[in-house]
Amino acid sequence: MSSCFELNKDADGKLSFALKDGEGETILTSNQLYFSRGSALGGIEAVQKNCALDYRYDKKELNGGHYFDLLAPNGHVVATSVKHGSAESRDAGVASVMTNGATKTVNLQS
């Protein structure tokens, strides 16, 4: 299995996305809901453009959990990682997004 983005639609028809690695594990999710497929695809495109740039990752710790935000050039959060149990695991998550985030595969889920 290769990495992919999944577009998910909620009961109200709003869209969000998740980046999944080659094993199907979610490694990054959109932090907002989108009203159109085009705007959701724009969020995915922002991940694709910024994922290879180390300085776009804002690494954080909260209540003993570790995570990171992927930032757009304007400083807005594009997507947020899943929570990790350690800083080392979080950093491995950054490396995974850097490797998998450029995928062009997008699957629409219901």
PDB file of N, CA and C in Angstrom:
ATOM      1  N   MET A   1       0.847  -1.180   0.000  1.00  0.00           N
ATOM      2  CA  MET A   1       0.000   0.000   0.000  1.00  0.00           C
ATOM      3  C   MET A   1       0.890   1.240   0.000  1.00  0.00           C
ATOM      4  N   SER A   2       0.500   2.242  -0.736  1.00  0.00           N
ATOM      5  CA  SER A   2       1.274   3.479  -0.757  1.00  0.00           C
ATOM      6  C   SER A   2       0.537   4.560   0.029  1.00  0.00           C
ATOM      7  N   SER A   3       1.255   5.611   0.356  1.00  0.00           N
ATOM      8  CA  SER A   3       0.648   6.703   1.106  1.00  0.00           C
ATOM      9  C   SER A   3      -0.435   7.377   0.275  1.00  0.00           C
ATOM     10  N   CYS A   4      -1.369   8.042   0.982  1.00  0.00           N
ATOM     11  CA  CYS A   4      -2.454   8.726   0.290  1.00  0.00           C
ATOM     12  C   CYS A   4      -3.100   9.740   1.219  1.00  0.00           C
ATOM     13  N   PHE A   5      -3.831  10.639   0.609  1.00  0.00           N
ATOM     14  CA  PHE A   5      -4.715  11.531   1.348  1.00  0.00           C
ATOM     15  C   PHE A   5      -6.106  10.938   1.261  1.00  0.00           C
ATOM     16  N   GLU A   6      -6.845  11.012   2.349  1.00  0.00           N
ATOM     17  CA  GLU A   6      -8.243  10.618   2.334  1.00  0.00           C
ATOM     18  C   GLU A   6      -9.088  11.851   2.603  1.00  0.00           C
ATOM     19  N   LEU A   7     -10.046  12.098   1.724  1.00  0.00           N
ATOM     20  CA  LEU A   7     -11.032  13.153   1.933  1.00  0.00           C
ATOM     21  C   LEU A   7     -12.228  12.520   2.610  1.00  0.00           C
ATOM     22  N   ASN A   8     -12.643  13.093   3.725  1.00  0.00           N
ATOM     23  CA  ASN A   8     -13.770  12.570   4.482  1.00  0.00           C
ATOM     24  C   ASN A   8     -14.877  13.605   4.526  1.00  0.00           C
ATOM     25  N   LYS A   9     -16.114  13.147   4.369  1.00  0.00           N
ATOM     26  CA  LYS A   9     -17.276  14.024   4.399  1.00  0.00           C
ATOM     27  C   LYS A   9     -18.079  13.702   5.650  1.00  0.00           C
ATOM     28  N   ASP A  10     -18.428  14.751   6.438  1.00  0.00           N
ATOM     29  CA  ASP A  10     -19.238  14.517   7.628  1.00  0.00           C
ATOM     30  C   ASP A  10     -20.725  14.552   7.273  1.00  0.00           C
ATOM     31  N   ALA A  11     -21.575  14.381   8.261  1.00  0.00           N
ATOM     32  CA  ALA A  11     -23.024  14.309   8.044  1.00  0.00           C
ATOM     33  C   ALA A  11     -23.582  15.599   7.457  1.00  0.00           C
ATOM     34  N   ASP A  12     -22.905  16.720   7.697  1.00  0.00           N
ATOM     35  CA  ASP A  12     -23.349  18.011   7.167  1.00  0.00           C
ATOM     36  C   ASP A  12     -22.772  18.318   5.789  1.00  0.00           C
ATOM     37  N   GLY A  13     -21.981  17.388   5.252  1.00  0.00           N
ATOM     38  CA  GLY A  13     -21.390  17.582   3.934  1.00  0.00           C
ATOM     39  C   GLY A  13     -20.073  18.330   3.932  1.00  0.00           C
ATOM     40  N   LYS A  14     -19.539  18.637   5.107  1.00  0.00           N
ATOM     41  CA  LYS A  14     -18.247  19.331   5.190  1.00  0.00           C
ATOM     42  C   LYS A  14     -17.123  18.310   5.053  1.00  0.00           C
ATOM     43  N   LEU A  15     -16.017  18.754   4.484  1.00  0.00           N
ATOM     44  CA  LEU A  15     -14.891  17.872   4.183  1.00  0.00           C
ATOM     45  C   LEU A  15     -13.699  18.140   5.091  1.00  0.00           C
ATOM     46  N   SER A  16     -12.961  17.098   5.365  1.00  0.00           N
ATOM     47  CA  SER A  16     -11.668  17.191   6.038  1.00  0.00           C
ATOM     48  C   SER A  16     -10.757  16.185   5.335  1.00  0.00           C
ATOM     49  N   PHE A  17      -9.463  16.254   5.633  1.00  0.00           N
ATOM     50  CA  PHE A  17      -8.557  15.282   5.023  1.00  0.00           C
ATOM     51  C   PHE A  17      -7.603  14.715   6.053  1.00  0.00           C
ATOM     52  N   ALA A  18      -7.080  13.550   5.721  1.00  0.00           N
ATOM     53  CA  ALA A  18      -6.060  12.888   6.526  1.00  0.00           C
ATOM     54  C   ALA A  18      -4.989  12.366   5.588  1.00  0.00           C
ATOM     55  N   LEU A  19      -3.734  12.463   6.020  1.00  0.00           N
ATOM     56  CA  LEU A  19      -2.620  11.857   5.294  1.00  0.00           C
ATOM     57  C   LEU A  19      -2.327  10.528   5.963  1.00  0.00           C
ATOM     58  N   LYS A  20      -2.316   9.457   5.154  1.00  0.00           N
ATOM     59  CA  LYS A  20      -2.040   8.114   5.664  1.00  0.00           C
ATOM     60  C   LYS A  20      -0.719   7.633   5.077  1.00  0.00           C
ATOM     61  N   ASP A  21       0.058   6.951   5.910  1.00  0.00           N
ATOM     62  CA  ASP A  21       1.331   6.411   5.436  1.00  0.00           C
ATOM     63  C   ASP A  21       1.093   5.112   4.666  1.00  0.00           C
ATOM     64  N   GLY A  22       2.149   4.479   4.233  1.00  0.00           N
ATOM     65  CA  GLY A  22       2.058   3.274   3.429  1.00  0.00           C
ATOM     66  C   GLY A  22       1.436   2.090   4.146  1.00  0.00           C
ATOM     67  N   GLU A  23       1.350   2.156   5.472  1.00  0.00           N
ATOM     68  CA  GLU A  23       0.724   1.088   6.246  1.00  0.00           C
ATOM     69  C   GLU A  23      -0.725   1.415   6.604  1.00  0.00           C
ATOM     70  N   GLY A  24      -1.219   2.556   6.096  1.00  0.00           N
ATOM     71  CA  GLY A  24      -2.603   2.955   6.352  1.00  0.00           C
ATOM     72  C   GLY A  24      -2.819   3.700   7.650  1.00  0.00           C
ATOM     73  N   GLU A  25      -1.743   4.053   8.341  1.00  0.00           N
ATOM     74  CA  GLU A  25      -1.847   4.791   9.600  1.00  0.00           C
ATOM     75  C   GLU A  25      -1.983   6.282   9.326  1.00  0.00           C
ATOM     76  N   THR A  26      -2.901   6.941  10.020  1.00  0.00           N
ATOM     77  CA  THR A  26      -3.059   8.389   9.901  1.00  0.00           C
ATOM     78  C   THR A  26      -1.874   9.069  10.565  1.00  0.00           C
ATOM     79  N   ILE A  27      -1.232   9.975   9.847  1.00  0.00           N
ATOM     80  CA  ILE A  27      -0.081  10.690  10.403  1.00  0.00           C
ATOM     81  C   ILE A  27      -0.308  12.199  10.477  1.00  0.00           C
ATOM     82  N   LEU A  28      -1.331  12.698   9.779  1.00  0.00           N
ATOM     83  CA  LEU A  28      -1.591  14.137   9.736  1.00  0.00           C
ATOM     84  C   LEU A  28      -3.056  14.342   9.377  1.00  0.00           C
ATOM     85  N   THR A  29      -3.711  15.322  10.002  1.00  0.00           N
ATOM     86  CA  THR A  29      -5.102  15.620   9.673  1.00  0.00           C
ATOM     87  C   THR A  29      -5.305  17.113   9.500  1.00  0.00           C
ATOM     88  N   SER A  30      -6.276  17.465   8.675  1.00  0.00           N
ATOM     89  CA  SER A  30      -6.622  18.881   8.527  1.00  0.00           C
ATOM     90  C   SER A  30      -7.197  19.362   9.846  1.00  0.00           C
ATOM     91  N   ASN A  31      -6.958  20.607  10.145  1.00  0.00           N
ATOM     92  CA  ASN A  31      -7.470  21.148  11.404  1.00  0.00           C
ATOM     93  C   ASN A  31      -8.692  22.026  11.178  1.00  0.00           C
ATOM     94  N   GLN A  32      -9.267  21.956  10.005  1.00  0.00           N
ATOM     95  CA  GLN A  32     -10.478  22.709   9.715  1.00  0.00           C
ATOM     96  C   GLN A  32     -11.380  21.897   8.807  1.00  0.00           C
ATOM     97  N   LEU A  33     -12.631  22.319   8.743  1.00  0.00           N
ATOM     98  CA  LEU A  33     -13.585  21.703   7.830  1.00  0.00           C
ATOM     99  C   LEU A  33     -13.710  22.580   6.601  1.00  0.00           C
ATOM    100  N   TYR A  34     -13.844  21.956   5.462  1.00  0.00           N
ATOM    101  CA  TYR A  34     -13.943  22.667   4.194  1.00  0.00           C
ATOM    102  C   TYR A  34     -15.362  22.515   3.644  1.00  0.00           C
ATOM    103  N   PHE A  35     -15.852  23.569   3.007  1.00  0.00           N
ATOM    104  CA  PHE A  35     -17.210  23.562   2.473  1.00  0.00           C
ATOM    105  C   PHE A  35     -17.284  23.048   1.043  1.00  0.00           C
ATOM    106  N   SER A  36     -16.143  22.970   0.368  1.00  0.00           N
ATOM    107  CA  SER A  36     -16.150  22.473  -1.006  1.00  0.00           C
ATOM    108  C   SER A  36     -14.967  21.543  -1.227  1.00  0.00           C
ATOM    109  N   ARG A  37     -15.123  20.682  -2.211  1.00  0.00           N
ATOM    110  CA  ARG A  37     -14.036  19.761  -2.571  1.00  0.00           C
ATOM    111  C   ARG A  37     -12.809  20.548  -3.021  1.00  0.00           C
ATOM    112  N   GLY A  38     -13.018  21.622  -3.765  1.00  0.00           N
ATOM    113  CA  GLY A  38     -11.906  22.434  -4.247  1.00  0.00           C
ATOM    114  C   GLY A  38     -11.092  23.040  -3.117  1.00  0.00           C
ATOM    115  N   SER A  39     -11.762  23.528  -2.071  1.00  0.00           N
ATOM    116  CA  SER A  39     -11.012  24.115  -0.960  1.00  0.00           C
ATOM    117  C   SER A  39     -10.284  23.031  -0.159  1.00  0.00           C
ATOM    118  N   ALA A  40     -10.884  21.847  -0.017  1.00  0.00           N
ATOM    119  CA  ALA A  40     -10.200  20.741   0.658  1.00  0.00           C
ATOM    120  C   ALA A  40      -8.966  20.317  -0.134  1.00  0.00           C
ATOM    121  N   LEU A  41      -9.106  20.257  -1.456  1.00  0.00           N
ATOM    122  CA  LEU A  41      -7.955  19.917  -2.297  1.00  0.00           C
ATOM    123  C   LEU A  41      -6.879  20.991  -2.191  1.00  0.00           C
ATOM    124  N   GLY A  42      -7.288  22.237  -1.975  1.00  0.00           N
ATOM    125  CA  GLY A  42      -6.317  23.310  -1.746  1.00  0.00           C
ATOM    126  C   GLY A  42      -5.534  23.090  -0.464  1.00  0.00           C
ATOM    127  N   GLY A  43      -6.196  22.588   0.580  1.00  0.00           N
ATOM    128  CA  GLY A  43      -5.496  22.252   1.819  1.00  0.00           C
ATOM    129  C   GLY A  43      -4.501  21.131   1.604  1.00  0.00           C
ATOM    130  N   ILE A  44      -4.901  20.128   0.843  1.00  0.00           N
ATOM    131  CA  ILE A  44      -3.993  19.020   0.514  1.00  0.00           C
ATOM    132  C   ILE A  44      -2.801  19.545  -0.278  1.00  0.00           C
ATOM    133  N   GLU A  45      -3.053  20.426  -1.228  1.00  0.00           N
ATOM    134  CA  GLU A  45      -1.968  21.006  -2.019  1.00  0.00           C
ATOM    135  C   GLU A  45      -0.994  21.775  -1.129  1.00  0.00           C
ATOM    136  N   ALA A  46      -1.505  22.447  -0.104  1.00  0.00           N
ATOM    137  CA  ALA A  46      -0.626  23.164   0.827  1.00  0.00           C
ATOM    138  C   ALA A  46       0.282  22.183   1.572  1.00  0.00           C
ATOM    139  N   VAL A  47      -0.252  21.028   1.941  1.00  0.00           N
ATOM    140  CA  VAL A  47       0.596  20.005   2.576  1.00  0.00           C
ATOM    141  C   VAL A  47       1.657  19.545   1.589  1.00  0.00           C
ATOM    142  N   GLN A  48       1.250  19.244   0.370  1.00  0.00           N
ATOM    143  CA  GLN A  48       2.188  18.756  -0.644  1.00  0.00           C
ATOM    144  C   GLN A  48       3.317  19.752  -0.883  1.00  0.00           C
ATOM    145  N   LYS A  49       3.010  21.039  -0.900  1.00  0.00           N
ATOM    146  CA  LYS A  49       4.021  22.069  -1.173  1.00  0.00           C
ATOM    147  C   LYS A  49       4.955  22.326  -0.001  1.00  0.00           C
ATOM    148  N   ASN A  50       4.464  22.143   1.218  1.00  0.00           N
ATOM    149  CA  ASN A  50       5.242  22.534   2.393  1.00  0.00           C
ATOM    150  C   ASN A  50       5.847  21.374   3.176  1.00  0.00           C
ATOM    151  N   CYS A  51       5.459  20.142   2.868  1.00  0.00           N
ATOM    152  CA  CYS A  51       5.870  19.005   3.695  1.00  0.00           C
ATOM    153  C   CYS A  51       7.377  18.742   3.687  1.00  0.00           C
ATOM    154  N   ALA A  52       8.067  19.108   2.636  1.00  0.00           N
ATOM    155  CA  ALA A  52       9.502  18.815   2.552  1.00  0.00           C
ATOM    156  C   ALA A  52      10.372  19.879   3.235  1.00  0.00           C
ATOM    157  N   LEU A  53       9.742  20.928   3.741  1.00  0.00           N
ATOM    158  CA  LEU A  53      10.482  22.049   4.331  1.00  0.00           C
ATOM    159  C   LEU A  53      10.496  21.929   5.846  1.00  0.00           C
ATOM    160  N   ASP A  54      11.649  21.565   6.402  1.00  0.00           N
ATOM    161  CA  ASP A  54      11.782  21.314   7.838  1.00  0.00           C
ATOM    162  C   ASP A  54      11.299  22.488   8.687  1.00  0.00           C
ATOM    163  N   TYR A  55      11.537  23.710   8.242  1.00  0.00           N
ATOM    164  CA  TYR A  55      11.181  24.885   9.031  1.00  0.00           C
ATOM    165  C   TYR A  55       9.676  25.175   9.043  1.00  0.00           C
ATOM    166  N   ARG A  56       8.886  24.408   8.317  1.00  0.00           N
ATOM    167  CA  ARG A  56       7.425  24.569   8.326  1.00  0.00           C
ATOM    168  C   ARG A  56       6.760  23.781   9.457  1.00  0.00           C
ATOM    169  N   TYR A  57       7.541  23.018  10.211  1.00  0.00           N
ATOM    170  CA  TYR A  57       6.992  22.191  11.283  1.00  0.00           C
ATOM    171  C   TYR A  57       7.157  22.896  12.623  1.00  0.00           C
ATOM    172  N   ASP A  58       6.050  23.052  13.334  1.00  0.00           N
ATOM    173  CA  ASP A  58       6.045  23.642  14.668  1.00  0.00           C
ATOM    174  C   ASP A  58       5.806  22.504  15.659  1.00  0.00           C
ATOM    175  N   LYS A  59       6.882  22.088  16.325  1.00  0.00           N
ATOM    176  CA  LYS A  59       6.823  20.952  17.249  1.00  0.00           C
ATOM    177  C   LYS A  59       6.355  21.435  18.616  1.00  0.00           C
ATOM    178  N   LYS A  60       5.411  20.667  19.207  1.00  0.00           N
ATOM    179  CA  LYS A  60       4.789  21.101  20.459  1.00  0.00           C
ATOM    180  C   LYS A  60       4.664  19.946  21.446  1.00  0.00           C
ATOM    181  N   GLU A  61       4.476  20.334  22.715  1.00  0.00           N
ATOM    182  CA  GLU A  61       4.189  19.380  23.774  1.00  0.00           C
ATOM    183  C   GLU A  61       3.040  19.948  24.592  1.00  0.00           C
ATOM    184  N   LEU A  62       2.073  19.096  24.929  1.00  0.00           N
ATOM    185  CA  LEU A  62       0.925  19.518  25.724  1.00  0.00           C
ATOM    186  C   LEU A  62       0.480  18.360  26.599  1.00  0.00           C
ATOM    187  N   ASN A  63       0.465  18.581  27.896  1.00  0.00           N
ATOM    188  CA  ASN A  63       0.018  17.563  28.858  1.00  0.00           C
ATOM    189  C   ASN A  63       0.713  16.224  28.655  1.00  0.00           C
ATOM    190  N   GLY A  64       1.997  16.265  28.394  1.00  0.00           N
ATOM    191  CA  GLY A  64       2.773  15.047  28.226  1.00  0.00           C
ATOM    192  C   GLY A  64       2.681  14.416  26.851  1.00  0.00           C
ATOM    193  N   GLY A  65       1.832  14.947  25.980  1.00  0.00           N
ATOM    194  CA  GLY A  65       1.723  14.449  24.610  1.00  0.00           C
ATOM    195  C   GLY A  65       2.530  15.330  23.673  1.00  0.00           C
ATOM    196  N   HIS A  66       3.003  14.751  22.616  1.00  0.00           N
ATOM    197  CA  HIS A  66       3.829  15.472  21.650  1.00  0.00           C
ATOM    198  C   HIS A  66       3.128  15.443  20.293  1.00  0.00           C
ATOM    199  N   TYR A  67       3.168  16.570  19.593  1.00  0.00           N
ATOM    200  CA  TYR A  67       2.559  16.653  18.273  1.00  0.00           C
ATOM    201  C   TYR A  67       3.223  17.786  17.507  1.00  0.00           C
ATOM    202  N   PHE A  68       2.812  17.973  16.273  1.00  0.00           N
ATOM    203  CA  PHE A  68       3.340  19.082  15.483  1.00  0.00           C
ATOM    204  C   PHE A  68       2.267  19.611  14.557  1.00  0.00           C
ATOM    205  N   ASP A  69       2.443  20.871  14.196  1.00  0.00           N
ATOM    206  CA  ASP A  69       1.615  21.513  13.182  1.00  0.00           C
ATOM    207  C   ASP A  69       2.471  21.733  11.949  1.00  0.00           C
ATOM    208  N   LEU A  70       1.874  21.568  10.784  1.00  0.00           N
ATOM    209  CA  LEU A  70       2.526  21.933   9.524  1.00  0.00           C
ATOM    210  C   LEU A  70       1.991  23.303   9.149  1.00  0.00           C
ATOM    211  N   LEU A  71       2.890  24.246   8.951  1.00  0.00           N
ATOM    212  CA  LEU A  71       2.509  25.640   8.708  1.00  0.00           C
ATOM    213  C   LEU A  71       2.637  26.025   7.241  1.00  0.00           C
ATOM    214  N   ALA A  72       1.730  26.894   6.803  1.00  0.00           N
ATOM    215  CA  ALA A  72       1.808  27.503   5.479  1.00  0.00           C
ATOM    216  C   ALA A  72       2.808  28.661   5.548  1.00  0.00           C
ATOM    217  N   PRO A  73       3.227  29.199   4.406  1.00  0.00           N
ATOM    218  CA  PRO A  73       4.167  30.320   4.419  1.00  0.00           C
ATOM    219  C   PRO A  73       3.674  31.527   5.231  1.00  0.00           C
ATOM    220  N   ASN A  74       2.352  31.713   5.323  1.00  0.00           N
ATOM    221  CA  ASN A  74       1.815  32.838   6.092  1.00  0.00           C
ATOM    222  C   ASN A  74       1.719  32.537   7.584  1.00  0.00           C
ATOM    223  N   GLY A  75       2.146  31.350   8.010  1.00  0.00           N
ATOM    224  CA  GLY A  75       2.137  30.985   9.411  1.00  0.00           C
ATOM    225  C   GLY A  75       0.871  30.294   9.881  1.00  0.00           C
ATOM    226  N   HIS A  76      -0.136  30.183   9.037  1.00  0.00           N
ATOM    227  CA  HIS A  76      -1.365  29.486   9.410  1.00  0.00           C
ATOM    228  C   HIS A  76      -1.135  27.979   9.445  1.00  0.00           C
ATOM    229  N   VAL A  77      -1.815  27.308  10.351  1.00  0.00           N
ATOM    230  CA  VAL A  77      -1.705  25.858  10.465  1.00  0.00           C
ATOM    231  C   VAL A  77      -2.473  25.215   9.318  1.00  0.00           C
ATOM    232  N   VAL A  78      -1.794  24.377   8.555  1.00  0.00           N
ATOM    233  CA  VAL A  78      -2.401  23.635   7.453  1.00  0.00           C
ATOM    234  C   VAL A  78      -2.985  22.329   7.963  1.00  0.00           C
ATOM    235  N   ALA A  79      -2.214  21.635   8.808  1.00  0.00           N
ATOM    236  CA  ALA A  79      -2.634  20.339   9.331  1.00  0.00           C
ATOM    237  C   ALA A  79      -1.861  20.052  10.609  1.00  0.00           C
ATOM    238  N   THR A  80      -2.396  19.110  11.384  1.00  0.00           N
ATOM    239  CA  THR A  80      -1.830  18.757  12.679  1.00  0.00           C
ATOM    240  C   THR A  80      -1.600  17.252  12.739  1.00  0.00           C
ATOM    241  N   SER A  81      -0.525  16.866  13.399  1.00  0.00           N
ATOM    242  CA  SER A  81      -0.222  15.442  13.529  1.00  0.00           C
ATOM    243  C   SER A  81      -1.125  14.780  14.561  1.00  0.00           C
ATOM    244  N   VAL A  82      -1.080  13.467  14.560  1.00  0.00           N
ATOM    245  CA  VAL A  82      -1.678  12.708  15.651  1.00  0.00           C
ATOM    246  C   VAL A  82      -0.807  12.934  16.878  1.00  0.00           C
ATOM    247  N   LYS A  83      -1.318  12.602  18.048  1.00  0.00           N
ATOM    248  CA  LYS A  83      -0.549  12.739  19.287  1.00  0.00           C
ATOM    249  C   LYS A  83       0.456  11.594  19.388  1.00  0.00           C
ATOM    250  N   HIS A  84       1.636  11.930  19.906  1.00  0.00           N
ATOM    251  CA  HIS A  84       2.716  10.960  20.079  1.00  0.00           C
ATOM    252  C   HIS A  84       3.094  10.897  21.550  1.00  0.00           C
ATOM    253  N   GLY A  85       3.608   9.768  21.976  1.00  0.00           N
ATOM    254  CA  GLY A  85       3.978   9.569  23.371  1.00  0.00           C
ATOM    255  C   GLY A  85       5.328  10.138  23.755  1.00  0.00           C
ATOM    256  N   SER A  86       6.147  10.489  22.774  1.00  0.00           N
ATOM    257  CA  SER A  86       7.478  11.017  23.078  1.00  0.00           C
ATOM    258  C   SER A  86       7.907  11.991  21.988  1.00  0.00           C
ATOM    259  N   ALA A  87       8.900  12.799  22.316  1.00  0.00           N
ATOM    260  CA  ALA A  87       9.447  13.730  21.331  1.00  0.00           C
ATOM    261  C   ALA A  87      10.090  12.964  20.179  1.00  0.00           C
ATOM    262  N   GLU A  88      10.708  11.830  20.465  1.00  0.00           N
ATOM    263  CA  GLU A  88      11.342  11.025  19.424  1.00  0.00           C
ATOM    264  C   GLU A  88      10.299  10.484  18.448  1.00  0.00           C
ATOM    265  N   SER A  89       9.181  10.028  18.963  1.00  0.00           N
ATOM    266  CA  SER A  89       8.104   9.519  18.119  1.00  0.00           C
ATOM    267  C   SER A  89       7.510  10.652  17.274  1.00  0.00           C
ATOM    268  N   ARG A  90       7.347  11.819  17.892  1.00  0.00           N
ATOM    269  CA  ARG A  90       6.859  12.987  17.148  1.00  0.00           C
ATOM    270  C   ARG A  90       7.809  13.328  16.006  1.00  0.00           C
ATOM    271  N   ASP A  91       9.098  13.322  16.280  1.00  0.00           N
ATOM    272  CA  ASP A  91      10.082  13.646  15.253  1.00  0.00           C
ATOM    273  C   ASP A  91      10.069  12.616  14.130  1.00  0.00           C
ATOM    274  N   ALA A  92       9.816  11.353  14.475  1.00  0.00           N
ATOM    275  CA  ALA A  92       9.660  10.325  13.445  1.00  0.00           C
ATOM    276  C   ALA A  92       8.399  10.609  12.620  1.00  0.00           C
ATOM    277  N   GLY A  93       7.367  11.154  13.257  1.00  0.00           N
ATOM    278  CA  GLY A  93       6.154  11.559  12.542  1.00  0.00           C
ATOM    279  C   GLY A  93       6.432  12.671  11.544  1.00  0.00           C
ATOM    280  N   VAL A  94       7.253  13.642  11.931  1.00  0.00           N
ATOM    281  CA  VAL A  94       7.658  14.703  11.004  1.00  0.00           C
ATOM    282  C   VAL A  94       8.353  14.084   9.804  1.00  0.00           C
ATOM    283  N   ALA A  95       9.287  13.178  10.052  1.00  0.00           N
ATOM    284  CA  ALA A  95      10.014  12.520   8.963  1.00  0.00           C
ATOM    285  C   ALA A  95       9.055  11.759   8.050  1.00  0.00           C
ATOM    286  N   SER A  96       8.045  11.144   8.625  1.00  0.00           N
ATOM    287  CA  SER A  96       7.065  10.409   7.830  1.00  0.00           C
ATOM    288  C   SER A  96       6.258  11.348   6.942  1.00  0.00           C
ATOM    289  N   VAL A  97       5.853  12.492   7.482  1.00  0.00           N
ATOM    290  CA  VAL A  97       5.116  13.470   6.664  1.00  0.00           C
ATOM    291  C   VAL A  97       6.024  14.016   5.567  1.00  0.00           C
ATOM    292  N   MET A  98       7.277  14.261   5.884  1.00  0.00           N
ATOM    293  CA  MET A  98       8.213  14.754   4.870  1.00  0.00           C
ATOM    294  C   MET A  98       8.351  13.749   3.725  1.00  0.00           C
ATOM    295  N   THR A  99       8.297  12.461   4.054  1.00  0.00           N
ATOM    296  CA  THR A  99       8.407  11.405   3.047  1.00  0.00           C
ATOM    297  C   THR A  99       7.102  11.176   2.297  1.00  0.00           C
ATOM    298  N   ASN A 100       5.990  11.155   3.011  1.00  0.00           N
ATOM    299  CA  ASN A 100       4.704  10.759   2.432  1.00  0.00           C
ATOM    300  C   ASN A 100       3.815  11.902   1.965  1.00  0.00           C
ATOM    301  N   GLY A 101       4.092  13.122   2.422  1.00  0.00           N
ATOM    302  CA  GLY A 101       3.186  14.239   2.174  1.00  0.00           C
ATOM    303  C   GLY A 101       3.092  14.717   0.746  1.00  0.00           C
ATOM    304  N   ALA A 102       4.030  14.346  -0.091  1.00  0.00           N
ATOM    305  CA  ALA A 102       3.994  14.797  -1.489  1.00  0.00           C
ATOM    306  C   ALA A 102       3.148  13.881  -2.376  1.00  0.00           C
ATOM    307  N   THR A 103       2.564  12.827  -1.807  1.00  0.00           N
ATOM    308  CA  THR A 103       1.768  11.908  -2.614  1.00  0.00           C
ATOM    309  C   THR A 103       0.657  12.645  -3.367  1.00  0.00           C
ATOM    310  N   LYS A 104       0.384  12.190  -4.553  1.00  0.00           N
ATOM    311  CA  LYS A 104      -0.682  12.778  -5.370  1.00  0.00           C
ATOM    312  C   LYS A 104      -1.979  11.971  -5.264  1.00  0.00           C
ATOM    313  N   THR A 105      -1.939  10.849  -4.537  1.00  0.00           N
ATOM    314  CA  THR A 105      -3.109   9.983  -4.414  1.00  0.00           C
ATOM    315  C   THR A 105      -4.099  10.561  -3.414  1.00  0.00           C
ATOM    316  N   VAL A 106      -5.329  10.782  -3.872  1.00  0.00           N
ATOM    317  CA  VAL A 106      -6.402  11.302  -3.011  1.00  0.00           C
ATOM    318  C   VAL A 106      -7.603  10.378  -3.163  1.00  0.00           C
ATOM    319  N   ASN A 107      -8.076   9.846  -2.045  1.00  0.00           N
ATOM    320  CA  ASN A 107      -9.243   8.961  -2.034  1.00  0.00           C
ATOM    321  C   ASN A 107     -10.386   9.658  -1.316  1.00  0.00           C
ATOM    322  N   LEU A 108     -11.580   9.612  -1.886  1.00  0.00           N
ATOM    323  CA  LEU A 108     -12.763  10.192  -1.258  1.00  0.00           C
ATOM    324  C   LEU A 108     -13.467   9.119  -0.453  1.00  0.00           C
ATOM    325  N   GLN A 109     -13.606   9.375   0.849  1.00  0.00           N
ATOM    326  CA  GLN A 109     -14.336   8.481   1.750  1.00  0.00           C
ATOM    327  C   GLN A 109     -15.714   9.077   1.991  1.00  0.00           C
ATOM    328  N   SER A 110     -16.673   8.247   2.366  1.00  0.00           N
ATOM    329  CA  SER A 110     -18.004   8.802   2.670  1.00  0.00           C
ATOM    330  C   SER A 110     -18.200   8.967   4.142  1.00  0.00           C
TER     331      SER A 110
END
